[in-house]
Structures are given as C-alpha cells and as structure tokens.
Amino acid sequence: MAYTLILHVAGEDPIVGEVDEMLKPEDTLVILNNPRRRDGKDIHYLQSNVVQAIWPVVRINFIEVLPGEQEEQIIGFVRE
C-alpha cells in the first residue's frame, strides 16, 4: 500500500510524493516516488523525467501523511 507524503524540506517549498512503506524511526533517507510540488508542477531543481528522488532525513523539517483511499471513505458525524 502506497502512502502519500508531504515533505517539508529546509529552505524549499513542500514536496508531495508517494512511498511504498511508512518510514521507520531508524531510516536516514526518504525515497519518494513521483516527486512534485503541491500544485502538481515539476520541482525546478529536478529533471522533468525523474520518477524517484532520495532526500536525507536531516534536511527534512517535518513530514505530513495524507489520508489514503480507505481512510477517505470513512463517514463521520457532521452537524450542520
């Protein structure tokens, strides 16, 4: 199951991409598939045909995990 992440790299715009497995505490690298900006555009410092990029964890301020398809189908209580 792929997870969609938003990486907040130090000094850069946030980067969206997918990982095959959730990161573990001992990981030192983040391997991101299909890296792109939040608006879907290419990242200016990567070639346009790049499908996978690797970032060291020390350059990342924090990581957001976006909900998957299964989690989006959960219906919660809504009060109008």
N, C-alpha and C. Protein backbone atom coordinates (compact mmCIF):
# COMPACT_ATOMS: atom_id res chain seq x y z
N MET A 1 0.85 -1.18 0.00
CA MET A 1 0.00 0.00 0.00
C MET A 1 0.89 1.24 0.00
N ALA A 2 0.68 2.12 -0.93
CA ALA A 2 1.47 3.35 -1.03
C ALA A 2 0.87 4.42 -0.12
N TYR A 3 1.75 5.22 0.44
CA TYR A 3 1.36 6.35 1.29
C TYR A 3 1.76 7.63 0.59
N THR A 4 0.89 8.63 0.62
CA THR A 4 1.21 9.93 0.05
C THR A 4 1.71 10.83 1.18
N LEU A 5 2.88 11.43 0.96
CA LEU A 5 3.52 12.27 1.96
C LEU A 5 3.73 13.67 1.42
N ILE A 6 3.80 14.63 2.33
CA ILE A 6 4.26 15.98 2.01
C ILE A 6 5.52 16.19 2.82
N LEU A 7 6.65 16.34 2.13
CA LEU A 7 7.93 16.59 2.79
C LEU A 7 8.15 18.10 2.88
N HIS A 8 8.50 18.57 4.05
CA HIS A 8 8.84 19.98 4.24
C HIS A 8 10.35 20.04 4.40
N VAL A 9 11.03 20.24 3.26
CA VAL A 9 12.49 20.28 3.21
C VAL A 9 12.95 21.67 3.62
N ALA A 10 14.02 21.74 4.40
CA ALA A 10 14.55 23.01 4.89
C ALA A 10 14.89 23.94 3.73
N GLY A 11 14.32 25.13 3.73
CA GLY A 11 14.62 26.14 2.73
C GLY A 11 13.98 25.93 1.37
N GLU A 12 13.06 24.98 1.23
CA GLU A 12 12.42 24.68 -0.05
C GLU A 12 10.90 24.66 0.11
N ASP A 13 10.20 24.70 -1.01
CA ASP A 13 8.75 24.52 -1.00
C ASP A 13 8.43 23.07 -0.66
N PRO A 14 7.26 22.80 -0.07
CA PRO A 14 6.88 21.41 0.24
C PRO A 14 6.83 20.55 -1.01
N ILE A 15 7.15 19.28 -0.84
CA ILE A 15 7.21 18.32 -1.94
C ILE A 15 6.25 17.18 -1.64
N VAL A 16 5.40 16.84 -2.61
CA VAL A 16 4.44 15.76 -2.48
C VAL A 16 4.95 14.55 -3.25
N GLY A 17 4.71 13.37 -2.71
CA GLY A 17 5.09 12.14 -3.40
C GLY A 17 4.60 10.93 -2.63
N GLU A 18 4.85 9.76 -3.18
CA GLU A 18 4.39 8.52 -2.58
C GLU A 18 5.59 7.69 -2.12
N VAL A 19 5.37 6.94 -1.04
CA VAL A 19 6.35 5.96 -0.58
C VAL A 19 5.64 4.61 -0.50
N ASP A 20 6.40 3.53 -0.72
CA ASP A 20 5.81 2.20 -0.68
C ASP A 20 5.54 1.73 0.74
N GLU A 21 6.42 2.08 1.66
CA GLU A 21 6.27 1.70 3.06
C GLU A 21 6.40 2.94 3.93
N MET A 22 5.72 2.90 5.08
CA MET A 22 5.82 4.01 6.01
C MET A 22 7.24 4.05 6.58
N LEU A 23 7.73 5.23 6.83
CA LEU A 23 9.09 5.40 7.34
C LEU A 23 9.22 4.82 8.74
N LYS A 24 10.40 4.33 9.03
CA LYS A 24 10.70 3.78 10.35
C LYS A 24 11.61 4.76 11.09
N PRO A 25 11.63 4.71 12.42
CA PRO A 25 12.48 5.65 13.17
C PRO A 25 13.96 5.57 12.83
N GLU A 26 14.43 4.41 12.40
CA GLU A 26 15.86 4.25 12.10
C GLU A 26 16.23 4.65 10.67
N ASP A 27 15.26 5.01 9.84
CA ASP A 27 15.54 5.41 8.45
C ASP A 27 16.33 6.72 8.41
N THR A 28 17.29 6.79 7.50
CA THR A 28 18.08 8.01 7.33
C THR A 28 17.81 8.68 5.99
N LEU A 29 17.08 8.00 5.11
CA LEU A 29 16.74 8.53 3.80
C LEU A 29 15.24 8.37 3.54
N VAL A 30 14.68 9.28 2.76
CA VAL A 30 13.30 9.17 2.31
C VAL A 30 13.34 9.00 0.80
N ILE A 31 12.82 7.88 0.32
CA ILE A 31 12.77 7.62 -1.12
C ILE A 31 11.35 7.92 -1.58
N LEU A 32 11.21 8.98 -2.35
CA LEU A 32 9.90 9.49 -2.76
C LEU A 32 9.66 9.21 -4.23
N ASN A 33 8.53 8.57 -4.53
CA ASN A 33 8.14 8.30 -5.91
C ASN A 33 7.28 9.44 -6.44
N ASN A 34 7.46 9.78 -7.70
CA ASN A 34 6.69 10.82 -8.37
C ASN A 34 6.74 12.15 -7.61
N PRO A 35 7.94 12.68 -7.32
CA PRO A 35 8.03 13.93 -6.57
C PRO A 35 7.50 15.11 -7.39
N ARG A 36 6.74 15.98 -6.73
CA ARG A 36 6.15 17.15 -7.38
C ARG A 36 5.82 18.18 -6.31
N ARG A 37 5.53 19.39 -6.75
CA ARG A 37 5.08 20.42 -5.81
C ARG A 37 3.63 20.16 -5.44
N ARG A 38 3.13 20.85 -4.45
CA ARG A 38 1.74 20.63 -4.02
C ARG A 38 0.73 20.95 -5.11
N ASP A 39 1.06 21.87 -5.99
CA ASP A 39 0.14 22.22 -7.07
C ASP A 39 0.28 21.30 -8.27
N GLY A 40 1.13 20.26 -8.16
CA GLY A 40 1.29 19.28 -9.22
C GLY A 40 2.38 19.60 -10.24
N LYS A 41 2.98 20.77 -10.13
CA LYS A 41 4.02 21.17 -11.08
C LYS A 41 5.34 20.49 -10.75
N ASP A 42 6.26 20.48 -11.74
CA ASP A 42 7.58 19.90 -11.55
C ASP A 42 8.39 20.71 -10.55
N ILE A 43 9.33 20.06 -9.89
CA ILE A 43 10.25 20.73 -8.98
C ILE A 43 11.39 21.28 -9.82
N HIS A 44 11.70 22.56 -9.68
CA HIS A 44 12.62 23.26 -10.58
C HIS A 44 14.03 22.69 -10.58
N TYR A 45 14.49 22.08 -9.49
CA TYR A 45 15.85 21.57 -9.45
C TYR A 45 15.95 20.08 -9.81
N LEU A 46 14.84 19.46 -10.19
CA LEU A 46 14.86 18.07 -10.68
C LEU A 46 14.57 18.05 -12.17
N GLN A 47 15.14 17.07 -12.86
CA GLN A 47 14.84 16.90 -14.27
C GLN A 47 13.36 16.54 -14.44
N SER A 48 12.78 16.86 -15.58
CA SER A 48 11.35 16.65 -15.78
C SER A 48 10.97 15.17 -15.85
N ASN A 49 11.93 14.28 -16.17
CA ASN A 49 11.61 12.86 -16.30
C ASN A 49 11.96 12.04 -15.05
N VAL A 50 12.25 12.68 -13.92
CA VAL A 50 12.59 11.98 -12.68
C VAL A 50 11.32 11.34 -12.11
N VAL A 51 11.42 10.05 -11.76
CA VAL A 51 10.27 9.35 -11.18
C VAL A 51 10.51 8.99 -9.71
N GLN A 52 11.74 9.12 -9.25
CA GLN A 52 12.06 8.79 -7.86
C GLN A 52 13.22 9.67 -7.40
N ALA A 53 13.10 10.19 -6.18
CA ALA A 53 14.17 11.03 -5.62
C ALA A 53 14.40 10.61 -4.17
N ILE A 54 15.62 10.84 -3.70
CA ILE A 54 16.01 10.45 -2.35
C ILE A 54 16.46 11.69 -1.58
N TRP A 55 15.89 11.90 -0.41
CA TRP A 55 16.27 13.01 0.46
C TRP A 55 16.78 12.46 1.77
N PRO A 56 17.86 13.06 2.32
CA PRO A 56 18.30 12.66 3.65
C PRO A 56 17.35 13.24 4.71
N VAL A 57 17.10 12.49 5.74
CA VAL A 57 16.16 12.91 6.78
C VAL A 57 16.63 14.18 7.47
N VAL A 58 17.93 14.40 7.57
CA VAL A 58 18.45 15.59 8.26
C VAL A 58 18.05 16.89 7.56
N ARG A 59 17.68 16.85 6.28
CA ARG A 59 17.25 18.04 5.54
C ARG A 59 15.75 18.30 5.68
N ILE A 60 15.02 17.38 6.29
CA ILE A 60 13.56 17.48 6.37
C ILE A 60 13.15 18.02 7.73
N ASN A 61 12.33 19.10 7.70
CA ASN A 61 11.83 19.66 8.95
C ASN A 61 10.73 18.79 9.55
N PHE A 62 9.74 18.43 8.73
CA PHE A 62 8.69 17.51 9.18
C PHE A 62 8.00 16.91 7.97
N ILE A 63 7.22 15.86 8.21
CA ILE A 63 6.55 15.11 7.15
C ILE A 63 5.06 15.02 7.49
N GLU A 64 4.21 15.31 6.51
CA GLU A 64 2.77 15.12 6.67
C GLU A 64 2.36 13.87 5.92
N VAL A 65 1.46 13.09 6.51
CA VAL A 65 0.93 11.90 5.86
C VAL A 65 -0.51 12.19 5.46
N LEU A 66 -0.80 12.13 4.16
CA LEU A 66 -2.15 12.39 3.67
C LEU A 66 -3.00 11.13 3.79
N PRO A 67 -4.31 11.30 4.00
CA PRO A 67 -5.18 10.12 4.13
C PRO A 67 -5.23 9.33 2.83
N GLY A 68 -5.31 8.01 2.96
CA GLY A 68 -5.42 7.14 1.80
C GLY A 68 -6.86 6.99 1.36
N GLU A 69 -7.09 6.19 0.33
CA GLU A 69 -8.43 5.99 -0.20
C GLU A 69 -9.36 5.36 0.82
N GLN A 70 -8.86 4.39 1.58
CA GLN A 70 -9.70 3.72 2.57
C GLN A 70 -10.11 4.68 3.67
N GLU A 71 -9.19 5.54 4.12
CA GLU A 71 -9.49 6.47 5.19
C GLU A 71 -10.46 7.56 4.73
N GLU A 72 -10.44 7.92 3.45
CA GLU A 72 -11.34 8.94 2.95
C GLU A 72 -12.78 8.45 2.88
N GLN A 73 -12.99 7.15 2.83
CA GLN A 73 -14.34 6.60 2.72
C GLN A 73 -15.05 6.54 4.06
N ILE A 74 -14.35 6.78 5.16
CA ILE A 74 -14.95 6.76 6.48
C ILE A 74 -15.87 7.98 6.62
N ILE A 75 -17.09 7.72 7.02
CA ILE A 75 -18.07 8.79 7.18
C ILE A 75 -18.16 9.13 8.67
N GLY A 76 -17.93 10.38 8.97
CA GLY A 76 -18.00 10.84 10.35
C GLY A 76 -19.29 11.59 10.58
N PHE A 77 -19.51 11.99 11.80
CA PHE A 77 -20.70 12.74 12.14
C PHE A 77 -20.50 14.21 11.73
N VAL A 78 -21.49 14.74 11.03
CA VAL A 78 -21.42 16.14 10.58
C VAL A 78 -22.64 16.85 11.11
N ARG A 79 -22.42 17.98 11.71
CA ARG A 79 -23.52 18.77 12.23
C ARG A 79 -23.64 20.02 11.41
N GLU A 80 -24.80 20.28 10.88
CA GLU A 80 -25.00 21.48 10.05
C GLU A 80 -25.77 22.52 10.78
